[in-house]
C-alpha cells in the first residue's frame, strides 16, 4: 500500500520532563523506527497524546518527522478531533508540513449520528489533497462507523483505508470485499488474524519497541507461511500483553523506549501518568522481550 505503507508505528510523542516536546527524543525515535523496519509513521495520533497537543505543536511534529524521515517512509498525520473545523485546520496544517497522508478518527465524545460522521469525514477529506485513513475505534469514540457509513465514505476518491480498532473480523472482511478499502489492524492483540483475513498492514503501538517483529509477521503472512507467522505471533504475545494490557499503551511504550535507551525520558502529559517502577507489567519486562 504505497499510500500509507504496511508496517506503521503509532508513534509516541517524546517529551522532556515538564512536558515540552523533545526534538532530540523525536529524532532518536524516528531513527529507531526506521532502523527496525517501519515503512510508515503515524504522528500525533492517540498514542502520540493528540488530545493534549496544540495545533502548532501537532504541525511542528509533522514537520520535524518529515524532515528526519527524508522520504524513507510514509508520514501519516493524526488530525481527528471532535470539532470538524479544528480537524480541517489540522489537516491543512499537516499537508503544509509535508505529511503523506491523514489519519482521521471517528468524532469522539459528541456521539454524532452516522450522517454527522459522514459529513465530518467528507469535510476533512475535501480540505486537502492527501489520502485519508479512517480510524474506527468505538471504545474511545463512543460510537462506531457502520458498514453503510464506511461504504458511503469509500466513494470519496481520497478516503482509501481504515484503521480498525473495532475487532469485528467478519465486518472487516465484508467491508474490504465490498468497498476496496485497505484495512489496517489497530489492535495489536489481533494483528495476525487481521493480516490473515486480508488486512494491508498494521498501525501498531507495540511497533514502537518491536517493529522488526511486526515486519516479520507481515512478511510471513504475505508469503503464505502461516506456521512462521504463528510462531512470530506467539513470541510477541508477552510483549503485547505488557504494552497493551498493563495500562495505557502510550505510557508503557514510552517507559519501554526509555529502558531501551531510545528515549531519555518516559514523560507523558496529564491526565496520563508515567508507569511506576513497581507497577505490574513494568516495561523492563517488555525491554527484555524486545531486545
C-alpha atoms as a PDB file:
ATOM      1  CA  UNK A   1       0.000   0.000   0.000  1.00  0.00           C
ATOM      2  CA  UNK A   2       2.062   2.929  -1.223  1.00  0.00           C
ATOM      3  CA  UNK A   3      -0.389   5.474   0.201  1.00  0.00           C
ATOM      4  CA  UNK A   4       0.410   4.528   3.790  1.00  0.00           C
ATOM      5  CA  UNK A   5       2.940   1.693   3.990  1.00  0.00           C
ATOM      6  CA  UNK A   6       2.274  -1.640   5.705  1.00  0.00           C
ATOM      7  CA  UNK A   7       4.238  -1.702   8.973  1.00  0.00           C
ATOM      8  CA  UNK A   8       3.160   1.510  10.682  1.00  0.00           C
ATOM      9  CA  UNK A   9       4.080   2.548  14.205  1.00  0.00           C
ATOM     10  CA  UNK A  10       1.562   4.584  16.160  1.00  0.00           C
ATOM     11  CA  UNK A  11       4.355   6.842  17.394  1.00  0.00           C
ATOM     12  CA  UNK A  12       4.574   8.157  20.906  1.00  0.00           C
ATOM     13  CA  UNK A  13       5.483  11.837  21.238  1.00  0.00           C
ATOM     14  CA  UNK A  14       8.812  12.206  23.079  1.00  0.00           C
ATOM     15  CA  UNK A  15       8.696  14.814  25.834  1.00  0.00           C
ATOM     16  CA  UNK A  16      11.096  16.439  28.246  1.00  0.00           C
ATOM     17  CA  UNK A  17      10.446  16.487  31.994  1.00  0.00           C
ATOM     18  CA  UNK A  18       7.805  19.162  32.381  1.00  0.00           C
ATOM     19  CA  UNK A  19       6.027  18.157  29.194  1.00  0.00           C
ATOM     20  CA  UNK A  20       7.713  20.111  26.387  1.00  0.00           C
ATOM     21  CA  UNK A  21       8.204  18.133  23.167  1.00  0.00           C
ATOM     22  CA  UNK A  22      11.739  16.760  22.904  1.00  0.00           C
ATOM     23  CA  UNK A  23      13.248  17.296  19.478  1.00  0.00           C
ATOM     24  CA  UNK A  24      16.322  15.141  20.267  1.00  0.00           C
ATOM     25  CA  UNK A  25      13.990  12.408  21.524  1.00  0.00           C
ATOM     26  CA  UNK A  26      11.903  12.709  18.376  1.00  0.00           C
ATOM     27  CA  UNK A  27      14.963  12.337  16.149  1.00  0.00           C
ATOM     28  CA  UNK A  28      16.148   9.307  18.125  1.00  0.00           C
ATOM     29  CA  UNK A  29      12.725   7.661  17.949  1.00  0.00           C
ATOM     30  CA  UNK A  30      12.347   8.210  14.205  1.00  0.00           C
ATOM     31  CA  UNK A  31      15.808   6.749  13.574  1.00  0.00           C
ATOM     32  CA  UNK A  32      14.951   3.743  15.761  1.00  0.00           C
ATOM     33  CA  UNK A  33      11.640   3.100  13.987  1.00  0.00           C
ATOM     34  CA  UNK A  34      13.156   3.301  10.522  1.00  0.00           C
ATOM     35  CA  UNK A  35      16.077   1.081  11.527  1.00  0.00           C
ATOM     36  CA  UNK A  36      13.749  -1.583  12.910  1.00  0.00           C
ATOM     37  CA  UNK A  37      11.524  -1.841   9.844  1.00  0.00           C
ATOM     38  CA  UNK A  38       8.729   0.750   9.808  1.00  0.00           C
ATOM     39  CA  UNK A  39       7.654   1.973   6.390  1.00  0.00           C
ATOM     40  CA  UNK A  40       5.011   4.295   7.844  1.00  0.00           C
ATOM     41  CA  UNK A  41       4.882   6.526  10.916  1.00  0.00           C
ATOM     42  CA  UNK A  42       1.648   7.830  12.426  1.00  0.00           C
ATOM     43  CA  UNK A  43       2.434  11.153  14.082  1.00  0.00           C
ATOM     44  CA  UNK A  44       0.166  12.886  16.583  1.00  0.00           C
ATOM     45  CA  UNK A  45      -2.377  10.105  16.891  1.00  0.00           C
ATOM     46  CA  UNK A  46      -3.929   8.898  20.126  1.00  0.00           C
ATOM     47  CA  UNK A  47      -0.713   7.113  21.126  1.00  0.00           C
ATOM     48  CA  UNK A  48       1.054  10.404  20.405  1.00  0.00           C
ATOM     49  CA  UNK A  49      -1.187  12.093  23.022  1.00  0.00           C
ATOM     50  CA  UNK A  50      -3.126  14.050  20.421  1.00  0.00           C
ATOM     51  CA  UNK A  51      -5.743  15.408  22.864  1.00  0.00           C
ATOM     52  CA  UNK A  52      -3.002  17.321  24.697  1.00  0.00           C
ATOM     53  CA  UNK A  53      -1.214  18.672  21.597  1.00  0.00           C
ATOM     54  CA  UNK A  54      -1.890  22.220  20.468  1.00  0.00           C
ATOM     55  CA  UNK A  55      -2.404  22.825  16.766  1.00  0.00           C
ATOM     56  CA  UNK A  56       1.054  24.444  16.403  1.00  0.00           C
ATOM     57  CA  UNK A  57       2.636  21.502  18.252  1.00  0.00           C
ATOM     58  CA  UNK A  58       0.864  18.977  16.037  1.00  0.00           C
ATOM     59  CA  UNK A  59       2.028  20.744  12.867  1.00  0.00           C
ATOM     60  CA  UNK A  60       5.543  21.082  14.251  1.00  0.00           C
ATOM     61  CA  UNK A  61       5.708  17.367  14.997  1.00  0.00           C
ATOM     62  CA  UNK A  62       4.790  16.522  11.422  1.00  0.00           C
ATOM     63  CA  UNK A  63       7.335  18.989  10.085  1.00  0.00           C
ATOM     64  CA  UNK A  64      10.130  17.559  12.263  1.00  0.00           C
ATOM     65  CA  UNK A  65       9.308  13.937  11.429  1.00  0.00           C
ATOM     66  CA  UNK A  66       9.045  14.637   7.700  1.00  0.00           C
ATOM     67  CA  UNK A  67      12.467  16.282   7.765  1.00  0.00           C
ATOM     68  CA  UNK A  68      14.018  13.403   9.708  1.00  0.00           C
ATOM     69  CA  UNK A  69      12.399  10.673   7.605  1.00  0.00           C
ATOM     70  CA  UNK A  70      13.582  12.345   4.370  1.00  0.00           C
ATOM     71  CA  UNK A  71      11.395  10.171   2.151  1.00  0.00           C
ATOM     72  CA  UNK A  72      12.349   6.833   3.706  1.00  0.00           C
ATOM     73  CA  UNK A  73       8.828   6.108   4.995  1.00  0.00           C
ATOM     74  CA  UNK A  74       5.312   7.495   4.803  1.00  0.00           C
ATOM     75  CA  UNK A  75       4.403  10.106   7.407  1.00  0.00           C
ATOM     76  CA  UNK A  76       0.734   9.958   8.382  1.00  0.00           C
ATOM     77  CA  UNK A  77      -0.626  12.803  10.490  1.00  0.00           C
ATOM     78  CA  UNK A  78      -3.313  12.243  13.074  1.00  0.00           C
ATOM     79  CA  UNK A  79      -5.774  15.093  12.549  1.00  0.00           C
ATOM     80  CA  UNK A  80      -9.022  13.853  14.076  1.00  0.00           C
ATOM     81  CA  UNK A  81     -10.835  15.685  16.851  1.00  0.00           C
ATOM     82  CA  UNK A  82     -14.472  16.063  17.920  1.00  0.00           C
ATOM     83  CA  UNK A  83     -14.526  19.504  16.234  1.00  0.00           C
ATOM     84  CA  UNK A  84     -14.823  19.400  12.442  1.00  0.00           C
ATOM     85  CA  UNK A  85     -13.411  22.903  11.956  1.00  0.00           C
ATOM     86  CA  UNK A  86     -10.388  22.048  14.116  1.00  0.00           C
ATOM     87  CA  UNK A  87      -9.856  18.797  12.228  1.00  0.00           C
ATOM     88  CA  UNK A  88      -9.924  20.683   8.923  1.00  0.00           C
ATOM     89  CA  UNK A  89      -7.313  23.131  10.240  1.00  0.00           C
ATOM     90  CA  UNK A  90      -5.108  20.288  11.443  1.00  0.00           C
ATOM     91  CA  UNK A  91      -5.426  18.529   8.083  1.00  0.00           C
ATOM     92  CA  UNK A  92      -4.377  21.647   6.194  1.00  0.00           C
ATOM     93  CA  UNK A  93      -1.514  22.244   8.618  1.00  0.00           C
ATOM     94  CA  UNK A  94      -0.349  18.643   8.150  1.00  0.00           C
ATOM     95  CA  UNK A  95      -0.408  18.975   4.370  1.00  0.00           C
ATOM     96  CA  UNK A  96       1.596  22.203   4.577  1.00  0.00           C
ATOM     97  CA  UNK A  97       4.079  20.459   6.899  1.00  0.00           C
ATOM     98  CA  UNK A  98       4.698  17.722   4.325  1.00  0.00           C
ATOM     99  CA  UNK A  99       2.575  14.795   5.539  1.00  0.00           C
ATOM    100  CA  UNK A 100       1.938  11.963   3.090  1.00  0.00           C
ATOM    101  CA  UNK A 101      -1.499  11.106   4.467  1.00  0.00           C
ATOM    102  CA  UNK A 102      -4.032  11.713   7.214  1.00  0.00           C
ATOM    103  CA  UNK A 103      -5.431   9.535   9.997  1.00  0.00           C
ATOM    104  CA  UNK A 104      -8.958  10.657  10.829  1.00  0.00           C
ATOM    105  CA  UNK A 105     -10.583   9.275  13.957  1.00  0.00           C
ATOM    106  CA  UNK A 106     -14.347   8.927  14.237  1.00  0.00           C
ATOM    107  CA  UNK A 107     -15.511  12.071  16.113  1.00  0.00           C
ATOM    108  CA  UNK A 108     -15.388  11.174  19.775  1.00  0.00           C
ATOM    109  CA  UNK A 109     -17.383  12.160  22.858  1.00  0.00           C
ATOM    110  CA  UNK A 110     -20.058  14.133  20.943  1.00  0.00           C
ATOM    111  CA  UNK A 111     -21.556  10.883  19.619  1.00  0.00           C
ATOM    112  CA  UNK A 112     -22.944  12.295  16.342  1.00  0.00           C
ATOM    113  CA  UNK A 113     -25.335  10.380  14.120  1.00  0.00           C
ATOM    114  CA  UNK A 114     -23.892   8.395  11.239  1.00  0.00           C
ATOM    115  CA  UNK A 115     -24.898  11.268   8.953  1.00  0.00           C
ATOM    116  CA  UNK A 116     -22.783  13.539  11.146  1.00  0.00           C
ATOM    117  CA  UNK A 117     -19.842  11.130  10.960  1.00  0.00           C
ATOM    118  CA  UNK A 118     -20.074  11.120   7.169  1.00  0.00           C
ATOM    119  CA  UNK A 119     -20.302  14.918   6.956  1.00  0.00           C
ATOM    120  CA  UNK A 120     -17.341  15.312   9.332  1.00  0.00           C
ATOM    121  CA  UNK A 121     -15.125  12.897   7.384  1.00  0.00           C
ATOM    122  CA  UNK A 122     -16.046  14.348   3.997  1.00  0.00           C
ATOM    123  CA  UNK A 123     -15.270  17.870   5.202  1.00  0.00           C
ATOM    124  CA  UNK A 124     -11.775  16.798   6.241  1.00  0.00           C
ATOM    125  CA  UNK A 125     -11.190  14.720   3.103  1.00  0.00           C
ATOM    126  CA  UNK A 126     -12.224  17.693   0.954  1.00  0.00           C
ATOM    127  CA  UNK A 127      -9.849  20.042   2.793  1.00  0.00           C
ATOM    128  CA  UNK A 128      -6.591  18.676   1.336  1.00  0.00           C
ATOM    129  CA  UNK A 129      -5.243  16.561  -1.496  1.00  0.00           C
ATOM    130  CA  UNK A 130      -3.902  13.887   0.861  1.00  0.00           C
ATOM    131  CA  UNK A 131      -5.122  10.285   1.129  1.00  0.00           C
ATOM    132  CA  UNK A 132      -7.164   9.568   4.247  1.00  0.00           C
ATOM    133  CA  UNK A 133      -7.173   6.570   6.572  1.00  0.00           C
ATOM    134  CA  UNK A 134     -10.309   6.460   8.722  1.00  0.00           C
ATOM    135  CA  UNK A 135      -9.910   5.338  12.342  1.00  0.00           C
ATOM    136  CA  UNK A 136     -12.826   3.284  13.650  1.00  0.00           C
ATOM    137  CA  UNK A 137     -12.373   2.953  17.432  1.00  0.00           C
ATOM    138  CA  UNK A 138     -15.731   2.739  19.226  1.00  0.00           C
ATOM    139  CA  UNK A 139     -14.141   2.050  22.633  1.00  0.00           C
ATOM    140  CA  UNK A 140     -12.633   5.552  22.557  1.00  0.00           C
ATOM    141  CA  UNK A 141     -15.089   7.416  20.348  1.00  0.00           C
ATOM    142  CA  UNK A 142     -18.273   6.159  21.965  1.00  0.00           C
ATOM    143  CA  UNK A 143     -19.707   5.261  18.553  1.00  0.00           C
ATOM    144  CA  UNK A 144     -18.687   3.035  15.656  1.00  0.00           C
ATOM    145  CA  UNK A 145     -18.618   3.652  11.939  1.00  0.00           C
ATOM    146  CA  UNK A 146     -21.258   1.329  10.494  1.00  0.00           C
ATOM    147  CA  UNK A 147     -20.583  -0.713   7.346  1.00  0.00           C
ATOM    148  CA  UNK A 148     -23.016   1.549   5.468  1.00  0.00           C
ATOM    149  CA  UNK A 149     -21.092   4.629   6.609  1.00  0.00           C
ATOM    150  CA  UNK A 150     -17.779   3.095   5.561  1.00  0.00           C
ATOM    151  CA  UNK A 151     -19.226   2.182   2.169  1.00  0.00           C
ATOM    152  CA  UNK A 152     -20.507   5.719   1.665  1.00  0.00           C
ATOM    153  CA  UNK A 153     -17.169   7.233   2.649  1.00  0.00           C
ATOM    154  CA  UNK A 154     -15.276   4.808   0.395  1.00  0.00           C
ATOM    155  CA  UNK A 155     -16.825   6.564  -2.611  1.00  0.00           C
ATOM    156  CA  UNK A 156     -14.648   9.608  -1.883  1.00  0.00           C
ATOM    157  CA  UNK A 157     -11.502   9.354  -4.018  1.00  0.00           C
ATOM    158  CA  UNK A 158      -9.151  10.291  -1.167  1.00  0.00           C
ATOM    159  CA  UNK A 159     -10.653   8.039   1.525  1.00  0.00           C
ATOM    160  CA  UNK A 160      -8.692   4.863   0.928  1.00  0.00           C
ATOM    161  CA  UNK A 161      -8.153   2.943   4.148  1.00  0.00           C
ATOM    162  CA  UNK A 162      -9.444   2.092   7.609  1.00  0.00           C
ATOM    163  CA  UNK A 163      -7.535   1.612  10.833  1.00  0.00           C
ATOM    164  CA  UNK A 164      -9.841  -0.867  12.522  1.00  0.00           C
ATOM    165  CA  UNK A 165      -9.888  -0.996  16.318  1.00  0.00           C
ATOM    166  CA  UNK A 166     -13.400  -2.426  16.412  1.00  0.00           C
ATOM    167  CA  UNK A 167     -12.329  -6.045  16.403  1.00  0.00           C
ATOM    168  CA  UNK A 168     -15.176  -7.438  14.271  1.00  0.00           C
ATOM    169  CA  UNK A 169     -13.289  -9.564  11.750  1.00  0.00           C
ATOM    170  CA  UNK A 170     -16.338 -10.603   9.762  1.00  0.00           C
ATOM    171  CA  UNK A 171     -17.423  -6.991   9.351  1.00  0.00           C
ATOM    172  CA  UNK A 172     -13.887  -6.054   8.309  1.00  0.00           C
ATOM    173  CA  UNK A 173     -13.824  -8.774   5.648  1.00  0.00           C
ATOM    174  CA  UNK A 174     -17.259  -7.721   4.426  1.00  0.00           C
ATOM    175  CA  UNK A 175     -16.282  -4.055   4.104  1.00  0.00           C
ATOM    176  CA  UNK A 176     -12.955  -4.906   2.449  1.00  0.00           C
ATOM    177  CA  UNK A 177     -14.700  -7.091  -0.117  1.00  0.00           C
ATOM    178  CA  UNK A 178     -17.471  -4.617  -0.771  1.00  0.00           C
ATOM    179  CA  UNK A 179     -15.536  -1.352  -0.922  1.00  0.00           C
ATOM    180  CA  UNK A 180     -11.890  -1.962  -1.758  1.00  0.00           C
ATOM    181  CA  UNK A 181     -10.837  -0.002   1.334  1.00  0.00           C
ATOM    182  CA  UNK A 182      -7.442  -1.110   2.630  1.00  0.00           C
ATOM    183  CA  UNK A 183      -7.731  -2.319   6.216  1.00  0.00           C
ATOM    184  CA  UNK A 184      -5.068  -1.851   8.876  1.00  0.00           C
ATOM    185  CA  UNK A 185      -5.271  -3.635  12.197  1.00  0.00           C
ATOM    186  CA  UNK A 186      -5.385  -1.150  15.052  1.00  0.00           C
ATOM    187  CA  UNK A 187      -5.484  -3.757  17.821  1.00  0.00           C
ATOM    188  CA  UNK A 188      -2.065  -5.298  18.476  1.00  0.00           C
ATOM    189  CA  UNK A 189      -3.667  -8.337  20.074  1.00  0.00           C
ATOM    190  CA  UNK A 190      -5.331  -9.158  16.724  1.00  0.00           C
ATOM    191  CA  UNK A 191      -2.610  -8.349  14.187  1.00  0.00           C
ATOM    192  CA  UNK A 192      -2.247 -11.944  12.971  1.00  0.00           C
ATOM    193  CA  UNK A 193      -5.945 -12.692  12.344  1.00  0.00           C
ATOM    194  CA  UNK A 194      -6.464  -9.347  10.610  1.00  0.00           C
ATOM    195  CA  UNK A 195      -3.488  -9.928   8.332  1.00  0.00           C
ATOM    196  CA  UNK A 196      -4.639 -13.456   7.609  1.00  0.00           C
ATOM    197  CA  UNK A 197      -8.057 -12.073   6.624  1.00  0.00           C
ATOM    198  CA  UNK A 198      -6.543  -9.669   4.092  1.00  0.00           C
ATOM    199  CA  UNK A 199      -5.525  -6.550   6.011  1.00  0.00           C
ATOM    200  CA  UNK A 200      -2.953  -4.413   4.213  1.00  0.00           C
ATOM    201  CA  UNK A 201      -0.886  -3.892   7.341  1.00  0.00           C
ATOM    202  CA  UNK A 202      -0.874  -2.760  10.944  1.00  0.00           C
ATOM    203  CA  UNK A 203      -0.876   0.509  12.853  1.00  0.00           C
ATOM    204  CA  UNK A 204       0.848  -0.729  15.961  1.00  0.00           C
ATOM    205  CA  UNK A 205       1.702   0.656  19.399  1.00  0.00           C
ATOM    206  CA  UNK A 206       3.960  -2.342  20.023  1.00  0.00           C
ATOM    207  CA  UNK A 207       5.930  -1.422  16.881  1.00  0.00           C
ATOM    208  CA  UNK A 208       7.446   1.425  18.898  1.00  0.00           C
ATOM    209  CA  UNK A 209       9.628  -1.220  20.535  1.00  0.00           C
ATOM    210  CA  UNK A 210       9.359  -4.221  18.184  1.00  0.00           C
ATOM    211  CA  UNK A 211       8.810  -3.027  14.611  1.00  0.00           C
ATOM    212  CA  UNK A 212      11.170  -5.720  13.363  1.00  0.00           C
ATOM    213  CA  UNK A 213       8.808  -8.360  14.751  1.00  0.00           C
ATOM    214  CA  UNK A 214       5.695  -6.810  13.230  1.00  0.00           C
ATOM    215  CA  UNK A 215       7.549  -6.524   9.903  1.00  0.00           C
ATOM    216  CA  UNK A 216       8.435 -10.228  10.084  1.00  0.00           C
ATOM    217  CA  UNK A 217       4.804 -11.070  10.887  1.00  0.00           C
ATOM    218  CA  UNK A 218       3.515  -9.132   7.869  1.00  0.00           C
ATOM    219  CA  UNK A 219       6.117 -10.726   5.591  1.00  0.00           C
ATOM    220  CA  UNK A 220       5.305 -14.245   6.764  1.00  0.00           C
ATOM    221  CA  UNK A 221       1.584 -13.802   6.129  1.00  0.00           C
ATOM    222  CA  UNK A 222       2.206 -12.252   2.729  1.00  0.00           C
ATOM    223  CA  UNK A 223       4.271 -15.210   1.570  1.00  0.00           C
ATOM    224  CA  UNK A 224       1.656 -17.613   2.900  1.00  0.00           C
ATOM    225  CA  UNK A 225       3.860 -19.041   5.655  1.00  0.00           C
ATOM    226  CA  UNK A 226       1.269 -19.205   8.415  1.00  0.00           C
ATOM    227  CA  UNK A 227       3.350 -21.590  10.529  1.00  0.00           C
ATOM    228  CA  UNK A 228       6.118 -18.974  10.774  1.00  0.00           C
ATOM    229  CA  UNK A 229       3.538 -16.230  11.275  1.00  0.00           C
ATOM    230  CA  UNK A 230       2.042 -18.107  14.224  1.00  0.00           C
ATOM    231  CA  UNK A 231       5.480 -18.619  15.746  1.00  0.00           C
ATOM    232  CA  UNK A 232       6.274 -14.903  15.427  1.00  0.00           C
ATOM    233  CA  UNK A 233       2.904 -14.025  16.899  1.00  0.00           C
ATOM    234  CA  UNK A 234       3.342 -16.466  19.795  1.00  0.00           C
ATOM    235  CA  UNK A 235       6.689 -14.859  20.629  1.00  0.00           C
ATOM    236  CA  UNK A 236       5.069 -11.421  20.554  1.00  0.00           C
ATOM    237  CA  UNK A 237       2.191 -12.282  22.899  1.00  0.00           C
ATOM    238  CA  UNK A 238       4.065 -11.490  26.157  1.00  0.00           C
ATOM    239  CA  UNK A 239       5.233  -8.164  24.751  1.00  0.00           C
ATOM    240  CA  UNK A 240       1.749  -7.253  23.540  1.00  0.00           C
ATOM    241  CA  UNK A 241       0.355  -8.136  26.955  1.00  0.00           C
ATOM    242  CA  UNK A 242       2.950  -5.974  28.722  1.00  0.00           C
ATOM    243  CA  UNK A 243       2.463  -2.945  26.472  1.00  0.00           C
ATOM    244  CA  UNK A 244      -1.274  -3.130  25.856  1.00  0.00           C
ATOM    245  CA  UNK A 245      -2.804  -4.791  28.914  1.00  0.00           C
ATOM    246  CA  UNK A 246      -0.910  -3.262  31.882  1.00  0.00           C
ATOM    247  CA  UNK A 247      -2.280   0.253  31.316  1.00  0.00           C
ATOM    248  CA  UNK A 248      -2.442   2.837  28.539  1.00  0.00           C
ATOM    249  CA  UNK A 249      -0.243   1.742  25.667  1.00  0.00           C
ATOM    250  CA  UNK A 250       1.307   5.195  25.459  1.00  0.00           C
ATOM    251  CA  UNK A 251       2.754   5.109  28.962  1.00  0.00           C
ATOM    252  CA  UNK A 252       4.032   1.544  28.688  1.00  0.00           C
ATOM    253  CA  UNK A 253       5.589   2.149  25.260  1.00  0.00           C
ATOM    254  CA  UNK A 254       7.355   5.301  26.460  1.00  0.00           C
ATOM    255  CA  UNK A 255       8.716   3.518  29.528  1.00  0.00           C
ATOM    256  CA  UNK A 256       9.962   0.631  27.385  1.00  0.00           C
ATOM    257  CA  UNK A 257      11.616   3.041  24.938  1.00  0.00           C
ATOM    258  CA  UNK A 258      13.322   4.780  27.852  1.00  0.00           C
ATOM    259  CA  UNK A 259      14.516   1.422  29.217  1.00  0.00           C
ATOM    260  CA  UNK A 260      15.868   0.577  25.757  1.00  0.00           C
ATOM    261  CA  UNK A 261      17.758   3.878  25.635  1.00  0.00           C
ATOM    262  CA  UNK A 262      15.819   5.183  22.626  1.00  0.00           C
ATOM    263  CA  UNK A 263      14.243   7.982  24.681  1.00  0.00           C
ATOM    264  CA  UNK A 264      15.910   9.809  27.567  1.00  0.00           C
ATOM    265  CA  UNK A 265      12.606  10.253  29.389  1.00  0.00           C
ATOM    266  CA  UNK A 266       9.234   8.497  29.644  1.00  0.00           C
ATOM    267  CA  UNK A 267       7.384  11.750  30.335  1.00  0.00           C
ATOM    268  CA  UNK A 268       3.687  11.927  29.487  1.00  0.00           C
ATOM    269  CA  UNK A 269       1.202  14.763  29.868  1.00  0.00           C
ATOM    270  CA  UNK A 270      -1.690  14.661  32.288  1.00  0.00           C
ATOM    271  CA  UNK A 271      -4.155  13.047  32.514  1.00  0.00           C
ATOM    272  CA  UNK A 272      -1.693  10.235  31.706  1.00  0.00           C
ATOM    273  CA  UNK A 273       0.902   9.444  34.346  1.00  0.00           C
ATOM    274  CA  UNK A 274       4.180   7.598  33.976  1.00  0.00           C
ATOM    275  CA  UNK A 275       4.348   3.879  34.679  1.00  0.00           C
ATOM    276  CA  UNK A 276       5.503   3.250  38.237  1.00  0.00           C
ATOM    277  CA  UNK A 277       8.744   1.326  38.656  1.00  0.00           C
ATOM    278  CA  UNK A 278       6.826  -1.079  40.901  1.00  0.00           C
ATOM    279  CA  UNK A 279       3.753  -1.435  38.688  1.00  0.00           C
ATOM    280  CA  UNK A 280       2.708  -4.799  37.353  1.00  0.00           C
ATOM    281  CA  UNK A 281       3.935  -5.156  33.800  1.00  0.00           C
ATOM    282  CA  UNK A 282       6.825  -2.715  34.318  1.00  0.00           C
ATOM    283  CA  UNK A 283       8.248  -2.241  30.806  1.00  0.00           C
ATOM    284  CA  UNK A 284      11.640  -3.677  31.834  1.00  0.00           C
ATOM    285  CA  UNK A 285       9.842  -6.928  31.021  1.00  0.00           C
ATOM    286  CA  UNK A 286       8.987  -5.506  27.614  1.00  0.00           C
ATOM    287  CA  UNK A 287      12.610  -4.466  27.201  1.00  0.00           C
ATOM    288  CA  UNK A 288      13.790  -7.996  27.895  1.00  0.00           C
ATOM    289  CA  UNK A 289      11.336  -9.425  25.385  1.00  0.00           C
ATOM    290  CA  UNK A 290      12.052  -6.810  22.691  1.00  0.00           C
ATOM    291  CA  UNK A 291      15.853  -6.910  22.919  1.00  0.00           C
END
